[in-house]
């Protein structure tokens, strides 16, 4: 079972809102998932991304791989320290 960190679509028609979830790679886009790691709202100005870093690092440590879209969101919103 390959575990991926990916987006699942929420919201209404023409008003998307996404959850960043950990799911089995064989599940449907909006199907079952294991855990919610964060959210992504492209409709706000500026774009709103919230991520629970503790959960994210825990799942990455367990072997979950982010999709290319989630990887780019994580890179753009990395905490500056």
Protein backbone atom coordinates (compact mmCIF):
# COMPACT_ATOMS: atom_id res chain seq x y z
CA UNK A 1 0.00 0.00 0.00
CA UNK A 2 1.58 3.26 -1.16
CA UNK A 3 0.58 6.28 0.88
CA UNK A 4 0.47 9.71 -0.77
CA UNK A 5 -0.02 13.24 0.54
CA UNK A 6 -2.42 14.87 -1.91
CA UNK A 7 -5.28 17.32 -2.40
CA UNK A 8 -8.96 16.50 -2.09
CA UNK A 9 -11.47 18.99 -3.48
CA UNK A 10 -14.15 20.60 -1.35
CA UNK A 11 -16.29 23.69 -1.88
CA UNK A 12 -18.94 24.62 -4.40
CA UNK A 13 -18.95 24.84 -8.15
CA UNK A 14 -16.38 27.42 -9.33
CA UNK A 15 -15.31 28.03 -5.72
CA UNK A 16 -12.73 25.35 -4.97
CA UNK A 17 -11.31 24.66 -1.55
CA UNK A 18 -8.84 21.85 -0.96
CA UNK A 19 -7.80 19.72 1.98
CA UNK A 20 -4.27 18.35 2.07
CA UNK A 21 -4.82 14.73 3.08
CA UNK A 22 -2.86 11.52 3.52
CA UNK A 23 -4.47 8.73 1.50
CA UNK A 24 -3.80 5.38 -0.11
CA UNK A 25 -2.65 5.98 -3.69
CA UNK A 26 -5.37 3.67 -5.04
CA UNK A 27 -8.28 5.56 -3.42
CA UNK A 28 -10.36 8.07 -5.37
CA UNK A 29 -9.49 11.78 -5.29
CA UNK A 30 -12.40 12.61 -2.98
CA UNK A 31 -12.59 9.15 -1.41
CA UNK A 32 -11.35 7.72 1.85
CA UNK A 33 -8.28 9.21 3.50
CA UNK A 34 -6.19 8.48 6.56
CA UNK A 35 -5.56 11.96 7.99
CA UNK A 36 -6.04 15.67 7.26
CA UNK A 37 -2.70 17.50 7.24
CA UNK A 38 -3.78 20.99 6.12
CA UNK A 39 -5.87 23.15 3.80
CA UNK A 40 -5.36 25.13 0.60
CA UNK A 41 -7.68 27.95 -0.51
CA UNK A 42 -6.77 29.35 -3.96
CA UNK A 43 -9.69 31.80 -3.97
CA UNK A 44 -8.28 34.09 -1.27
CA UNK A 45 -5.90 36.91 -2.05
CA UNK A 46 -3.10 36.01 -1.22
CA UNK A 47 -3.57 32.25 -1.49
CA UNK A 48 -4.16 30.69 1.94
CA UNK A 49 -2.27 27.53 2.86
CA UNK A 50 -2.33 26.10 6.39
CA UNK A 51 -0.27 23.04 7.28
CA UNK A 52 0.08 21.10 10.51
CA UNK A 53 3.86 20.53 10.37
CA UNK A 54 3.88 17.96 13.18
CA UNK A 55 1.43 15.68 11.36
CA UNK A 56 3.17 16.28 8.03
CA UNK A 57 6.61 15.33 9.35
CA UNK A 58 5.13 12.29 11.10
CA UNK A 59 3.60 10.98 7.85
CA UNK A 60 6.72 11.75 5.80
CA UNK A 61 8.71 9.85 8.41
CA UNK A 62 6.38 6.88 7.94
CA UNK A 63 7.07 6.91 4.19
CA UNK A 64 4.22 8.97 2.71
CA UNK A 65 5.19 10.75 -0.52
CA UNK A 66 3.70 14.13 -1.53
CA UNK A 67 2.33 14.62 -5.04
CA UNK A 68 3.99 17.22 -7.27
CA UNK A 69 1.26 19.77 -6.53
CA UNK A 70 1.52 19.32 -2.77
CA UNK A 71 5.32 19.37 -2.98
CA UNK A 72 5.20 22.78 -4.72
CA UNK A 73 2.74 24.11 -2.10
CA UNK A 74 5.03 22.93 0.69
CA UNK A 75 8.06 24.51 -0.96
CA UNK A 76 6.30 27.89 -1.45
CA UNK A 77 4.98 27.95 2.11
CA UNK A 78 7.99 26.60 3.97
CA UNK A 79 8.51 28.35 7.31
CA UNK A 80 11.28 30.89 7.12
CA UNK A 81 13.58 30.56 10.09
